[in-house]
Amino acid sequence: MPDLVMREILNNLDFVSICKLRRVCHAFRDFIDCVKPDNNLNSIDLQVEADKIVGRVRVQKSSPSLLSKPVKFDYKEKGDRCVVRSGGRKDIFPKNFVDMCIDDFLWCALTWNGGSQNTFHVKHQKSVLGELCVTKKSLFDKNDKPVLQTAGKFVVPAFDKVFDGLMEILESRDRLLQVESLKMSVHGQEQLMQLLTHVDLNVLKSLQVFRLLETKSISDHGEDNSQFVLDLEILKDCKNLEHLRVTRFSISSPFRMFTHIPNLTVNMQTVYCEDVIRFKNTMENSDINAHSEIRFGQFPDKFRFLEAIGLAQDGGGIVFPSKLSLTYWPASKSLNFSWKHTS
């Protein structure tokens, strides 16, 4: 079949259909990988289990405001083979389920051209990905207690293999990954920095980071995570960042680096009065209806802060004229900011 005809066919197929076509034979695979058709992906969500990867994507339609319904699929381990399920179809391949997911899906999703015909120098540009989520899937029972996954198997080794595959893909690209929302499980500082050095931080609007654990409780309240420390200085110039959530890590960076971000869920080693007031002003001047929780290990001038805003030292709340509400929880060493709704 002439290349021109094949290119036209690819231009009229959605991402999932092209992935299926790519599996037919090596000739199709090589041609598609060479052409790198526009995948029009808006979001990628991968949740890793001990013996399965569950995925979901959304595709951008012709109008910027229109998205397709989520397309769901999974890669399931079956002995030394992999069962791929998507759209009611089931295929079996003689391959490890993680390797199959990386080669069959993730490589295509992050390397195919996402350029627009209306963009200059399409060859050297990528459309901005709305969301990339690669996390460990946690399972809980009806009492919110963690449930062990497949007997004799562990999630962390499988996730580490997915992460290594993701990094290999990002390192092979000739440009930074442009994504607005990034949600990732990591072991710690090294993995997070390895990831963020391949991301265009000027585009990033939301970053959620979770510490990778084999099993965990549904909430981290009451946990002592002070020994698991992240230095997030790399984010100091992320002027477009509107949402930062860091779970089961303690942040050693100065809080003033994050006071321009209106939606925060963080556990800081140390905070100071001046910086917390600056953050309060950011929330009051923001058009984002956010809820923020600032936990801290040390607050050297806490009483100065409480006196400055007129808040009781024994716990309590205050509503500012802007309708921004602040609650101080001394037992858990946390400050909760939210907007007070009026009827």
C-alpha atoms as a PDB file:
ATOM      1  CA  MET A   1       0.000   0.000   0.000  1.00  0.00           C
ATOM      2  CA  PRO A   2       1.432   3.438  -0.930  1.00  0.00           C
ATOM      3  CA  ASP A   3       2.768   5.506   1.954  1.00  0.00           C
ATOM      4  CA  LEU A   4       0.471   8.413   1.091  1.00  0.00           C
ATOM      5  CA  VAL A   5      -2.603   6.193   1.412  1.00  0.00           C
ATOM      6  CA  MET A   6      -1.371   4.748   4.707  1.00  0.00           C
ATOM      7  CA  ARG A   7      -0.753   8.227   6.105  1.00  0.00           C
ATOM      8  CA  GLU A   8      -4.285   9.259   5.147  1.00  0.00           C
ATOM      9  CA  ILE A   9      -5.695   6.161   6.844  1.00  0.00           C
ATOM     10  CA  LEU A  10      -3.733   6.911  10.015  1.00  0.00           C
ATOM     11  CA  ASN A  11      -4.990  10.499  10.009  1.00  0.00           C
ATOM     12  CA  ASN A  12      -8.555   9.181  10.222  1.00  0.00           C
ATOM     13  CA  LEU A  13      -7.994   6.644  13.000  1.00  0.00           C
ATOM     14  CA  ASP A  14      -8.105   7.269  16.727  1.00  0.00           C
ATOM     15  CA  PHE A  15      -5.183   6.484  19.008  1.00  0.00           C
ATOM     16  CA  VAL A  16      -6.520   3.144  20.270  1.00  0.00           C
ATOM     17  CA  SER A  17      -7.245   1.936  16.726  1.00  0.00           C
ATOM     18  CA  ILE A  18      -3.722   2.853  15.628  1.00  0.00           C
ATOM     19  CA  CYS A  19      -2.294   0.925  18.593  1.00  0.00           C
ATOM     20  CA  LYS A  20      -4.288  -2.136  17.521  1.00  0.00           C
ATOM     21  CA  LEU A  21      -3.098  -1.749  13.920  1.00  0.00           C
ATOM     22  CA  ARG A  22       0.467  -1.468  15.180  1.00  0.00           C
ATOM     23  CA  ARG A  23       0.196  -4.969  16.689  1.00  0.00           C
ATOM     24  CA  VAL A  24      -0.728  -6.628  13.376  1.00  0.00           C
ATOM     25  CA  CYS A  25       2.793  -7.068  12.015  1.00  0.00           C
ATOM     26  CA  HIS A  26       6.316  -5.626  12.167  1.00  0.00           C
ATOM     27  CA  ALA A  27       5.824  -3.755   8.883  1.00  0.00           C
ATOM     28  CA  PHE A  28       2.849  -1.800  10.241  1.00  0.00           C
ATOM     29  CA  ARG A  29       4.666  -1.220  13.536  1.00  0.00           C
ATOM     30  CA  ASP A  30       7.793   0.138  11.831  1.00  0.00           C
ATOM     31  CA  PHE A  31       5.793   2.382   9.492  1.00  0.00           C
ATOM     32  CA  ILE A  32       3.613   3.825  12.268  1.00  0.00           C
ATOM     33  CA  ASP A  33       6.622   4.426  14.513  1.00  0.00           C
ATOM     34  CA  CYS A  34       8.336   6.231  11.648  1.00  0.00           C
ATOM     35  CA  VAL A  35       5.322   8.417  10.815  1.00  0.00           C
ATOM     36  CA  LYS A  36       4.492   9.119  14.497  1.00  0.00           C
ATOM     37  CA  PRO A  37       0.856  10.091  13.825  1.00  0.00           C
ATOM     38  CA  ASP A  38      -0.860  12.763  15.893  1.00  0.00           C
ATOM     39  CA  ASN A  39      -2.324  10.876  18.847  1.00  0.00           C
ATOM     40  CA  ASN A  40      -4.468  13.800  20.102  1.00  0.00           C
ATOM     41  CA  LEU A  41      -4.215  12.477  23.642  1.00  0.00           C
ATOM     42  CA  ASN A  42      -5.407  14.816  26.369  1.00  0.00           C
ATOM     43  CA  SER A  43      -4.862  12.619  29.412  1.00  0.00           C
ATOM     44  CA  ILE A  44      -3.031   9.418  30.331  1.00  0.00           C
ATOM     45  CA  ASP A  45      -3.770   7.546  33.557  1.00  0.00           C
ATOM     46  CA  LEU A  46      -1.890   4.360  34.495  1.00  0.00           C
ATOM     47  CA  GLN A  47      -2.470   2.598  37.818  1.00  0.00           C
ATOM     48  CA  VAL A  48      -0.046  -0.192  38.634  1.00  0.00           C
ATOM     49  CA  GLU A  49      -0.977  -3.331  40.561  1.00  0.00           C
ATOM     50  CA  ALA A  50       1.158  -6.348  41.444  1.00  0.00           C
ATOM     51  CA  ASP A  51       0.189  -8.244  38.289  1.00  0.00           C
ATOM     52  CA  LYS A  52      -1.820  -5.754  36.247  1.00  0.00           C
ATOM     53  CA  ILE A  53      -1.679  -2.237  34.831  1.00  0.00           C
ATOM     54  CA  VAL A  54      -5.010  -0.476  34.445  1.00  0.00           C
ATOM     55  CA  GLY A  55      -5.041   2.386  31.952  1.00  0.00           C
ATOM     56  CA  ARG A  56      -7.382   5.119  30.835  1.00  0.00           C
ATOM     57  CA  VAL A  57      -6.962   7.794  28.192  1.00  0.00           C
ATOM     58  CA  ARG A  58      -8.995  10.701  26.876  1.00  0.00           C
ATOM     59  CA  VAL A  59      -8.594  11.953  23.332  1.00  0.00           C
ATOM     60  CA  GLN A  60      -8.923  15.580  22.251  1.00  0.00           C
ATOM     61  CA  LYS A  61     -11.639  16.014  19.632  1.00  0.00           C
ATOM     62  CA  SER A  62     -11.670  18.627  16.873  1.00  0.00           C
ATOM     63  CA  SER A  63     -12.855  21.369  19.223  1.00  0.00           C
ATOM     64  CA  PRO A  64     -10.431  22.291  22.044  1.00  0.00           C
ATOM     65  CA  SER A  65     -13.297  22.129  24.553  1.00  0.00           C
ATOM     66  CA  LEU A  66     -14.431  18.618  23.555  1.00  0.00           C
ATOM     67  CA  LEU A  67     -12.948  15.404  24.929  1.00  0.00           C
ATOM     68  CA  SER A  68     -13.824  11.819  24.141  1.00  0.00           C
ATOM     69  CA  LYS A  69     -15.244   9.477  26.735  1.00  0.00           C
ATOM     70  CA  PRO A  70     -12.489   7.711  28.690  1.00  0.00           C
ATOM     71  CA  VAL A  71     -11.032   4.718  26.861  1.00  0.00           C
ATOM     72  CA  LYS A  72     -10.147   1.978  29.341  1.00  0.00           C
ATOM     73  CA  PHE A  73      -7.724  -0.915  28.912  1.00  0.00           C
ATOM     74  CA  ASP A  74      -5.489  -3.163  30.985  1.00  0.00           C
ATOM     75  CA  TYR A  75      -2.412  -5.358  30.745  1.00  0.00           C
ATOM     76  CA  LYS A  76      -2.759  -8.468  32.932  1.00  0.00           C
ATOM     77  CA  GLU A  77      -0.114 -11.029  33.792  1.00  0.00           C
ATOM     78  CA  LYS A  78      -1.072 -14.619  32.965  1.00  0.00           C
ATOM     79  CA  GLY A  79       1.818 -16.962  33.638  1.00  0.00           C
ATOM     80  CA  ASP A  80       4.648 -15.853  31.372  1.00  0.00           C
ATOM     81  CA  ARG A  81       2.226 -14.121  29.009  1.00  0.00           C
ATOM     82  CA  CYS A  82       0.210 -10.895  28.959  1.00  0.00           C
ATOM     83  CA  VAL A  83      -3.518 -10.501  28.359  1.00  0.00           C
ATOM     84  CA  VAL A  84      -4.420  -7.136  26.813  1.00  0.00           C
ATOM     85  CA  ARG A  85      -8.054  -6.060  27.146  1.00  0.00           C
ATOM     86  CA  SER A  86      -9.508  -3.011  25.437  1.00  0.00           C
ATOM     87  CA  GLY A  87     -12.936  -2.182  24.043  1.00  0.00           C
ATOM     88  CA  GLY A  88     -14.333  -5.662  24.647  1.00  0.00           C
ATOM     89  CA  ARG A  89     -11.410  -7.296  22.845  1.00  0.00           C
ATOM     90  CA  LYS A  90      -8.906  -9.629  24.493  1.00  0.00           C
ATOM     91  CA  ASP A  91      -5.486 -10.502  23.035  1.00  0.00           C
ATOM     92  CA  ILE A  92      -2.697 -12.634  24.490  1.00  0.00           C
ATOM     93  CA  PHE A  93       0.988 -11.934  23.902  1.00  0.00           C
ATOM     94  CA  PRO A  94       4.109 -13.886  24.936  1.00  0.00           C
ATOM     95  CA  LYS A  95       5.499 -10.973  26.913  1.00  0.00           C
ATOM     96  CA  ASN A  96       5.787  -9.625  30.457  1.00  0.00           C
ATOM     97  CA  PHE A  97       2.800  -7.382  31.249  1.00  0.00           C
ATOM     98  CA  VAL A  98       4.949  -4.366  32.189  1.00  0.00           C
ATOM     99  CA  ASP A  99       7.106  -4.642  29.059  1.00  0.00           C
ATOM    100  CA  MET A 100       3.960  -5.027  26.964  1.00  0.00           C
ATOM    101  CA  CYS A 101       2.385  -1.888  28.434  1.00  0.00           C
ATOM    102  CA  ILE A 102       5.538   0.157  27.872  1.00  0.00           C
ATOM    103  CA  ASP A 103       6.147  -1.018  24.296  1.00  0.00           C
ATOM    104  CA  ASP A 104       2.526  -1.243  23.207  1.00  0.00           C
ATOM    105  CA  PHE A 105       1.080   1.868  24.848  1.00  0.00           C
ATOM    106  CA  LEU A 106       3.353   4.200  26.775  1.00  0.00           C
ATOM    107  CA  TRP A 107       6.022   4.527  24.094  1.00  0.00           C
ATOM    108  CA  CYS A 108       3.383   5.443  21.493  1.00  0.00           C
ATOM    109  CA  ALA A 109       1.559   7.820  23.825  1.00  0.00           C
ATOM    110  CA  LEU A 110       4.645   9.891  24.647  1.00  0.00           C
ATOM    111  CA  THR A 111       6.655   9.821  21.410  1.00  0.00           C
ATOM    112  CA  TRP A 112       4.130  10.166  18.603  1.00  0.00           C
ATOM    113  CA  ASN A 113       3.712  13.628  17.159  1.00  0.00           C
ATOM    114  CA  GLY A 114       1.094  15.721  18.874  1.00  0.00           C
ATOM    115  CA  GLY A 115       1.541  18.718  16.645  1.00  0.00           C
ATOM    116  CA  SER A 116      -1.279  20.723  15.144  1.00  0.00           C
ATOM    117  CA  GLN A 117      -1.639  21.618  11.480  1.00  0.00           C
ATOM    118  CA  ASN A 118      -2.139  25.214  12.563  1.00  0.00           C
ATOM    119  CA  THR A 119       1.180  25.325  14.413  1.00  0.00           C
ATOM    120  CA  PHE A 120       4.398  26.562  12.839  1.00  0.00           C
ATOM    121  CA  HIS A 121       7.320  24.122  12.782  1.00  0.00           C
ATOM    122  CA  VAL A 122       5.084  21.214  13.711  1.00  0.00           C
ATOM    123  CA  LYS A 123       8.015  18.840  13.366  1.00  0.00           C
ATOM    124  CA  HIS A 124       9.687  20.368  16.387  1.00  0.00           C
ATOM    125  CA  GLN A 125       6.653  20.835  18.633  1.00  0.00           C
ATOM    126  CA  LYS A 126       4.290  18.744  20.690  1.00  0.00           C
ATOM    127  CA  SER A 127       0.765  19.568  21.745  1.00  0.00           C
ATOM    128  CA  VAL A 128       0.457  20.068  25.479  1.00  0.00           C
ATOM    129  CA  LEU A 129      -0.719  16.967  27.322  1.00  0.00           C
ATOM    130  CA  GLY A 130      -3.469  17.752  29.791  1.00  0.00           C
ATOM    131  CA  GLU A 131      -2.593  15.114  32.377  1.00  0.00           C
ATOM    132  CA  LEU A 132      -0.082  12.332  32.967  1.00  0.00           C
ATOM    133  CA  CYS A 133      -0.794  10.087  35.938  1.00  0.00           C
ATOM    134  CA  VAL A 134       1.382   7.066  36.805  1.00  0.00           C
ATOM    135  CA  THR A 135       0.628   5.817  40.306  1.00  0.00           C
ATOM    136  CA  LYS A 136       0.441   2.685  42.392  1.00  0.00           C
ATOM    137  CA  LYS A 137      -3.136   1.469  42.727  1.00  0.00           C
ATOM    138  CA  SER A 138      -4.111   1.066  46.373  1.00  0.00           C
ATOM    139  CA  LEU A 139      -6.889  -1.279  47.451  1.00  0.00           C
ATOM    140  CA  PHE A 140      -8.931  -0.905  50.662  1.00  0.00           C
ATOM    141  CA  ASP A 141     -11.685  -2.951  52.304  1.00  0.00           C
ATOM    142  CA  LYS A 142     -15.053  -1.654  53.499  1.00  0.00           C
ATOM    143  CA  ASN A 143     -13.387  -0.450  56.715  1.00  0.00           C
ATOM    144  CA  ASP A 144     -10.768   1.527  54.774  1.00  0.00           C
ATOM    145  CA  LYS A 145      -8.043  -0.934  55.740  1.00  0.00           C
ATOM    146  CA  PRO A 146      -5.330  -1.676  53.158  1.00  0.00           C
ATOM    147  CA  VAL A 147      -5.790  -4.909  51.224  1.00  0.00           C
ATOM    148  CA  LEU A 148      -2.842  -6.962  50.029  1.00  0.00           C
ATOM    149  CA  GLN A 149      -2.887  -7.576  46.309  1.00  0.00           C
ATOM    150  CA  THR A 150      -2.142 -10.843  44.484  1.00  0.00           C
ATOM    151  CA  ALA A 151      -0.691 -13.408  46.901  1.00  0.00           C
ATOM    152  CA  GLY A 152       3.043 -13.829  46.538  1.00  0.00           C
ATOM    153  CA  LYS A 153       3.416 -10.743  44.363  1.00  0.00           C
ATOM    154  CA  PHE A 154       4.447  -7.184  45.198  1.00  0.00           C
ATOM    155  CA  VAL A 155       3.476  -3.900  43.604  1.00  0.00           C
ATOM    156  CA  VAL A 156       6.683  -1.938  44.144  1.00  0.00           C
ATOM    157  CA  PRO A 157       8.917  -4.025  41.809  1.00  0.00           C
ATOM    158  CA  ALA A 158       6.309  -3.788  39.053  1.00  0.00           C
ATOM    159  CA  PHE A 159       5.963  -0.041  39.564  1.00  0.00           C
ATOM    160  CA  ASP A 160       9.730   0.473  39.532  1.00  0.00           C
ATOM    161  CA  LYS A 161       9.867  -1.269  36.166  1.00  0.00           C
ATOM    162  CA  VAL A 162       7.115   1.000  34.814  1.00  0.00           C
ATOM    163  CA  PHE A 163       8.953   4.069  36.120  1.00  0.00           C
ATOM    164  CA  ASP A 164      12.224   2.952  34.513  1.00  0.00           C
ATOM    165  CA  GLY A 165      10.392   2.445  31.216  1.00  0.00           C
ATOM    166  CA  LEU A 166       8.840   5.902  31.479  1.00  0.00           C
ATOM    167  CA  MET A 167      12.237   7.470  32.094  1.00  0.00           C
ATOM    168  CA  GLU A 168      13.776   5.644  29.145  1.00  0.00           C
ATOM    169  CA  ILE A 169      11.040   7.067  26.922  1.00  0.00           C
ATOM    170  CA  LEU A 170      11.433  10.630  28.235  1.00  0.00           C
ATOM    171  CA  GLU A 171      15.217  10.465  27.876  1.00  0.00           C
ATOM    172  CA  SER A 172      14.852   9.372  24.244  1.00  0.00           C
ATOM    173  CA  ARG A 173      12.793  12.446  23.324  1.00  0.00           C
ATOM    174  CA  ASP A 174      14.418  15.502  21.771  1.00  0.00           C
ATOM    175  CA  ARG A 175      12.262  17.889  23.818  1.00  0.00           C
ATOM    176  CA  LEU A 176      10.878  18.299  27.305  1.00  0.00           C
ATOM    177  CA  LEU A 177       7.498  16.785  28.070  1.00  0.00           C
ATOM    178  CA  GLN A 178       4.852  19.510  28.087  1.00  0.00           C
ATOM    179  CA  VAL A 179       2.107  18.519  30.503  1.00  0.00           C
ATOM    180  CA  GLU A 180      -0.248  20.657  32.585  1.00  0.00           C
ATOM    181  CA  SER A 181      -1.009  18.140  35.336  1.00  0.00           C
ATOM    182  CA  LEU A 182       1.460  15.541  36.624  1.00  0.00           C
ATOM    183  CA  LYS A 183       0.567  12.902  39.206  1.00  0.00           C
ATOM    184  CA  MET A 184       3.280  10.419  40.191  1.00  0.00           C
ATOM    185  CA  SER A 185       4.315   7.873  42.806  1.00  0.00           C
ATOM    186  CA  VAL A 186       8.025   7.947  43.681  1.00  0.00           C
ATOM    187  CA  HIS A 187      10.393   6.498  46.273  1.00  0.00           C
ATOM    188  CA  GLY A 188      11.987   9.846  47.010  1.00  0.00           C
ATOM    189  CA  GLN A 189      14.183  12.742  45.910  1.00  0.00           C
ATOM    190  CA  GLU A 190      16.242  10.913  43.286  1.00  0.00           C
ATOM    191  CA  GLN A 191      13.294   9.567  41.300  1.00  0.00           C
ATOM    192  CA  LEU A 192      11.372  12.840  41.489  1.00  0.00           C
ATOM    193  CA  MET A 193      14.323  14.896  40.241  1.00  0.00           C
ATOM    194  CA  GLN A 194      14.984  12.341  37.516  1.00  0.00           C
ATOM    195  CA  LEU A 195      11.411  12.831  36.336  1.00  0.00           C
ATOM    196  CA  LEU A 196      11.129  16.614  36.643  1.00  0.00           C
ATOM    197  CA  THR A 197      14.319  17.279  34.661  1.00  0.00           C
ATOM    198  CA  HIS A 198      12.449  15.927  31.626  1.00  0.00           C
ATOM    199  CA  VAL A 199       9.324  18.047  32.184  1.00  0.00           C
ATOM    200  CA  ASP A 200       8.745  21.593  30.924  1.00  0.00           C
ATOM    201  CA  LEU A 201       8.135  23.261  34.291  1.00  0.00           C
ATOM    202  CA  ASN A 202       6.901  26.468  32.653  1.00  0.00           C
ATOM    203  CA  VAL A 203       3.838  24.568  31.406  1.00  0.00           C
ATOM    204  CA  LEU A 204       3.123  22.648  34.615  1.00  0.00           C
ATOM    205  CA  LYS A 205      -0.008  23.793  36.488  1.00  0.00           C
ATOM    206  CA  SER A 206      -0.551  20.911  38.894  1.00  0.00           C
ATOM    207  CA  LEU A 207       1.889  18.526  40.578  1.00  0.00           C
ATOM    208  CA  GLN A 208       0.892  15.680  42.894  1.00  0.00           C
ATOM    209  CA  VAL A 209       3.589  13.479  44.425  1.00  0.00           C
ATOM    210  CA  PHE A 210       2.963  10.343  46.484  1.00  0.00           C
ATOM    211  CA  ARG A 211       5.512   8.260  48.360  1.00  0.00           C
ATOM    212  CA  LEU A 212       5.571   4.729  46.956  1.00  0.00           C
ATOM    213  CA  LEU A 213       4.696   2.105  49.578  1.00  0.00           C
ATOM    214  CA  GLU A 214       3.745  -1.550  49.273  1.00  0.00           C
ATOM    215  CA  THR A 215       0.807  -1.012  51.638  1.00  0.00           C
ATOM    216  CA  LYS A 216      -0.466   2.162  53.255  1.00  0.00           C
ATOM    217  CA  SER A 217      -3.394   3.496  55.246  1.00  0.00           C
ATOM    218  CA  ILE A 218      -6.044   5.493  53.450  1.00  0.00           C
ATOM    219  CA  SER A 219      -4.898   8.693  55.209  1.00  0.00           C
ATOM    220  CA  ASP A 220      -1.469   9.882  56.290  1.00  0.00           C
ATOM    221  CA  HIS A 221      -2.780  11.947  59.218  1.00  0.00           C
ATOM    222  CA  GLY A 222      -0.895  11.068  62.362  1.00  0.00           C
ATOM    223  CA  GLU A 223       2.019   9.520  60.489  1.00  0.00           C
ATOM    224  CA  ASP A 224       5.565  10.678  61.142  1.00  0.00           C
ATOM    225  CA  ASN A 225       7.100  11.224  57.705  1.00  0.00           C
ATOM    226  CA  SER A 226       9.854  13.560  58.893  1.00  0.00           C
ATOM    227  CA  GLN A 227      12.623  11.195  57.763  1.00  0.00           C
ATOM    228  CA  PHE A 228      11.330  11.106  54.181  1.00  0.00           C
ATOM    229  CA  VAL A 229      12.475  14.492  52.938  1.00  0.00           C
ATOM    230  CA  LEU A 230      12.087  16.257  49.591  1.00  0.00           C
ATOM    231  CA  ASP A 231      13.940  19.363  48.452  1.00  0.00           C
ATOM    232  CA  LEU A 232      11.665  21.039  45.887  1.00  0.00           C
ATOM    233  CA  GLU A 233      13.864  23.983  44.942  1.00  0.00           C
ATOM    234  CA  ILE A 234      13.429  22.911  41.317  1.00  0.00           C
ATOM    235  CA  LEU A 235       9.881  24.325  41.519  1.00  0.00           C
ATOM    236  CA  LYS A 236      10.920  27.853  42.511  1.00  0.00           C
ATOM    237  CA  ASP A 237      10.473  29.193  38.968  1.00  0.00           C
ATOM    238  CA  CYS A 238       7.196  27.364  38.216  1.00  0.00           C
ATOM    239  CA  LYS A 239       5.178  30.561  37.945  1.00  0.00           C
ATOM    240  CA  ASN A 240       2.140  28.806  36.431  1.00  0.00           C
ATOM    241  CA  LEU A 241       1.866  26.174  39.161  1.00  0.00           C
ATOM    242  CA  GLU A 242      -1.577  26.438  40.795  1.00  0.00           C
ATOM    243  CA  HIS A 243      -1.774  23.141  42.662  1.00  0.00           C
ATOM    244  CA  LEU A 244       0.869  21.276  44.654  1.00  0.00           C
ATOM    245  CA  ARG A 245       0.121  18.182  46.693  1.00  0.00           C
ATOM    246  CA  VAL A 246       2.907  16.186  48.349  1.00  0.00           C
ATOM    247  CA  THR A 247       1.862  13.136  50.374  1.00  0.00           C
ATOM    248  CA  ARG A 248       3.915  11.192  52.922  1.00  0.00           C
ATOM    249  CA  PHE A 249       6.976  13.397  52.476  1.00  0.00           C
ATOM    250  CA  SER A 250       8.365  16.267  54.537  1.00  0.00           C
ATOM    251  CA  ILE A 251       9.533  19.282  52.520  1.00  0.00           C
ATOM    252  CA  SER A 252      12.827  20.901  53.516  1.00  0.00           C
ATOM    253  CA  SER A 253      12.631  23.826  51.066  1.00  0.00           C
ATOM    254  CA  PRO A 254      11.663  27.275  52.426  1.00  0.00           C
ATOM    255  CA  PHE A 255       7.886  27.732  52.447  1.00  0.00           C
ATOM    256  CA  ARG A 256       8.266  31.121  50.738  1.00  0.00           C
ATOM    257  CA  MET A 257       9.049  29.235  47.511  1.00  0.00           C
ATOM    258  CA  PHE A 258       5.448  27.981  47.396  1.00  0.00           C
ATOM    259  CA  THR A 259       3.449  30.946  48.691  1.00  0.00           C
ATOM    260  CA  HIS A 260       2.399  31.913  45.140  1.00  0.00           C
ATOM    261  CA  ILE A 261       0.585  28.564  44.712  1.00  0.00           C
ATOM    262  CA  PRO A 262      -3.059  28.968  45.830  1.00  0.00           C
ATOM    263  CA  ASN A 263      -3.885  25.258  46.217  1.00  0.00           C
ATOM    264  CA  LEU A 264      -1.420  23.537  48.561  1.00  0.00           C
ATOM    265  CA  THR A 265      -1.365  20.286  50.509  1.00  0.00           C
ATOM    266  CA  VAL A 266       2.114  19.989  51.991  1.00  0.00           C
ATOM    267  CA  ASN A 267       4.019  18.989  55.110  1.00  0.00           C
ATOM    268  CA  MET A 268       6.753  21.565  55.707  1.00  0.00           C
ATOM    269  CA  GLN A 269       9.694  21.068  58.037  1.00  0.00           C
ATOM    270  CA  THR A 270       9.558  24.748  59.012  1.00  0.00           C
ATOM    271  CA  VAL A 271       7.246  27.694  58.312  1.00  0.00           C
ATOM    272  CA  TYR A 272       7.459  31.371  59.330  1.00  0.00           C
ATOM    273  CA  CYS A 273       4.849  34.034  60.024  1.00  0.00           C
ATOM    274  CA  GLU A 274       5.761  36.274  57.087  1.00  0.00           C
ATOM    275  CA  ASP A 275       5.505  33.423  54.591  1.00  0.00           C
ATOM    276  CA  VAL A 276       2.178  32.106  55.907  1.00  0.00           C
ATOM    277  CA  ILE A 277       0.682  35.611  55.699  1.00  0.00           C
ATOM    278  CA  ARG A 278       1.986  35.899  52.152  1.00  0.00           C
ATOM    279  CA  PHE A 279       0.288  32.600  51.320  1.00  0.00           C
ATOM    280  CA  LYS A 280      -2.968  33.815  52.909  1.00  0.00           C
ATOM    281  CA  ASN A 281      -2.845  36.855  50.627  1.00  0.00           C
ATOM    282  CA  THR A 282      -2.273  34.614  47.608  1.00  0.00           C
ATOM    283  CA  MET A 283      -5.396  32.600  48.398  1.00  0.00           C
ATOM    284  CA  GLU A 284      -7.469  35.727  48.975  1.00  0.00           C
ATOM    285  CA  ASN A 285      -6.433  37.171  45.620  1.00  0.00           C
ATOM    286  CA  SER A 286      -6.872  33.926  43.690  1.00  0.00           C
ATOM    287  CA  ASP A 287      -9.883  33.107  41.541  1.00  0.00           C
ATOM    288  CA  ILE A 288      -9.408  29.398  42.308  1.00  0.00           C
ATOM    289  CA  ASN A 289     -11.842  27.994  44.869  1.00  0.00           C
ATOM    290  CA  ALA A 290      -9.137  26.029  46.647  1.00  0.00           C
ATOM    291  CA  HIS A 291      -8.707  24.189  49.912  1.00  0.00           C
ATOM    292  CA  SER A 292      -5.201  24.132  51.335  1.00  0.00           C
ATOM    293  CA  GLU A 293      -3.623  22.278  54.231  1.00  0.00           C
ATOM    294  CA  ILE A 294      -0.225  23.372  55.535  1.00  0.00           C
ATOM    295  CA  ARG A 295       1.274  20.975  58.053  1.00  0.00           C
ATOM    296  CA  PHE A 296       4.514  21.882  59.760  1.00  0.00           C
ATOM    297  CA  GLY A 297       7.167  20.486  62.051  1.00  0.00           C
ATOM    298  CA  GLN A 298       8.452  23.821  63.369  1.00  0.00           C
ATOM    299  CA  PHE A 299       6.776  27.249  63.475  1.00  0.00           C
ATOM    300  CA  PRO A 300       9.274  29.439  65.400  1.00  0.00           C
ATOM    301  CA  ASP A 301       7.171  32.633  65.324  1.00  0.00           C
ATOM    302  CA  LYS A 302       3.762  30.953  65.503  1.00  0.00           C
ATOM    303  CA  PHE A 303       2.464  33.176  68.317  1.00  0.00           C
ATOM    304  CA  ARG A 304       3.396  36.272  66.341  1.00  0.00           C
ATOM    305  CA  PHE A 305       1.356  34.922  63.430  1.00  0.00           C
ATOM    306  CA  LEU A 306      -1.662  34.046  65.575  1.00  0.00           C
ATOM    307  CA  GLU A 307      -1.577  37.474  67.200  1.00  0.00           C
ATOM    308  CA  ALA A 308      -1.234  39.207  63.834  1.00  0.00           C
ATOM    309  CA  ILE A 309      -4.413  37.628  62.456  1.00  0.00           C
ATOM    310  CA  GLY A 310      -6.342  37.513  65.744  1.00  0.00           C
ATOM    311  CA  LEU A 311      -6.573  33.724  66.025  1.00  0.00           C
ATOM    312  CA  ALA A 312      -6.741  31.889  69.365  1.00  0.00           C
ATOM    313  CA  GLN A 313      -3.618  29.986  70.356  1.00  0.00           C
ATOM    314  CA  ASP A 314      -5.533  26.960  71.615  1.00  0.00           C
ATOM    315  CA  GLY A 315      -7.060  26.039  68.267  1.00  0.00           C
ATOM    316  CA  GLY A 316      -9.970  27.556  66.450  1.00  0.00           C
ATOM    317  CA  GLY A 317     -10.922  29.306  63.273  1.00  0.00           C
ATOM    318  CA  ILE A 318     -11.347  32.712  61.749  1.00  0.00           C
ATOM    319  CA  VAL A 319     -13.129  34.026  58.686  1.00  0.00           C
ATOM    320  CA  PHE A 320     -11.517  37.000  56.991  1.00  0.00           C
ATOM    321  CA  PRO A 321     -13.539  39.734  55.222  1.00  0.00           C
ATOM    322  CA  SER A 322     -12.736  38.031  51.938  1.00  0.00           C
ATOM    323  CA  LYS A 323     -14.623  34.929  53.244  1.00  0.00           C
ATOM    324  CA  LEU A 324     -11.392  32.977  53.380  1.00  0.00           C
ATOM    325  CA  SER A 325     -11.539  30.669  56.388  1.00  0.00           C
ATOM    326  CA  LEU A 326      -8.497  29.600  58.414  1.00  0.00           C
ATOM    327  CA  THR A 327      -8.537  26.863  61.031  1.00  0.00           C
ATOM    328  CA  TYR A 328      -5.533  26.120  63.232  1.00  0.00           C
ATOM    329  CA  TRP A 329      -5.178  22.593  64.598  1.00  0.00           C
ATOM    330  CA  PRO A 330      -2.448  22.659  67.280  1.00  0.00           C
ATOM    331  CA  ALA A 331      -2.502  18.906  67.963  1.00  0.00           C
ATOM    332  CA  SER A 332      -1.759  18.003  64.351  1.00  0.00           C
ATOM    333  CA  LYS A 333       0.328  21.132  63.708  1.00  0.00           C
ATOM    334  CA  SER A 334      -1.669  22.167  60.681  1.00  0.00           C
ATOM    335  CA  LEU A 335      -3.290  25.234  59.151  1.00  0.00           C
ATOM    336  CA  ASN A 336      -6.362  24.678  56.974  1.00  0.00           C
ATOM    337  CA  PHE A 337      -7.427  27.351  54.513  1.00  0.00           C
ATOM    338  CA  SER A 338     -10.748  27.171  52.666  1.00  0.00           C
ATOM    339  CA  TRP A 339     -13.423  29.403  51.236  1.00  0.00           C
ATOM    340  CA  LYS A 340     -16.523  29.903  53.380  1.00  0.00           C
ATOM    341  CA  HIS A 341     -19.612  29.464  51.216  1.00  0.00           C
ATOM    342  CA  THR A 342     -22.586  31.693  51.834  1.00  0.00           C
ATOM    343  CA  SER A 343     -26.135  30.904  50.753  1.00  0.00           C
END
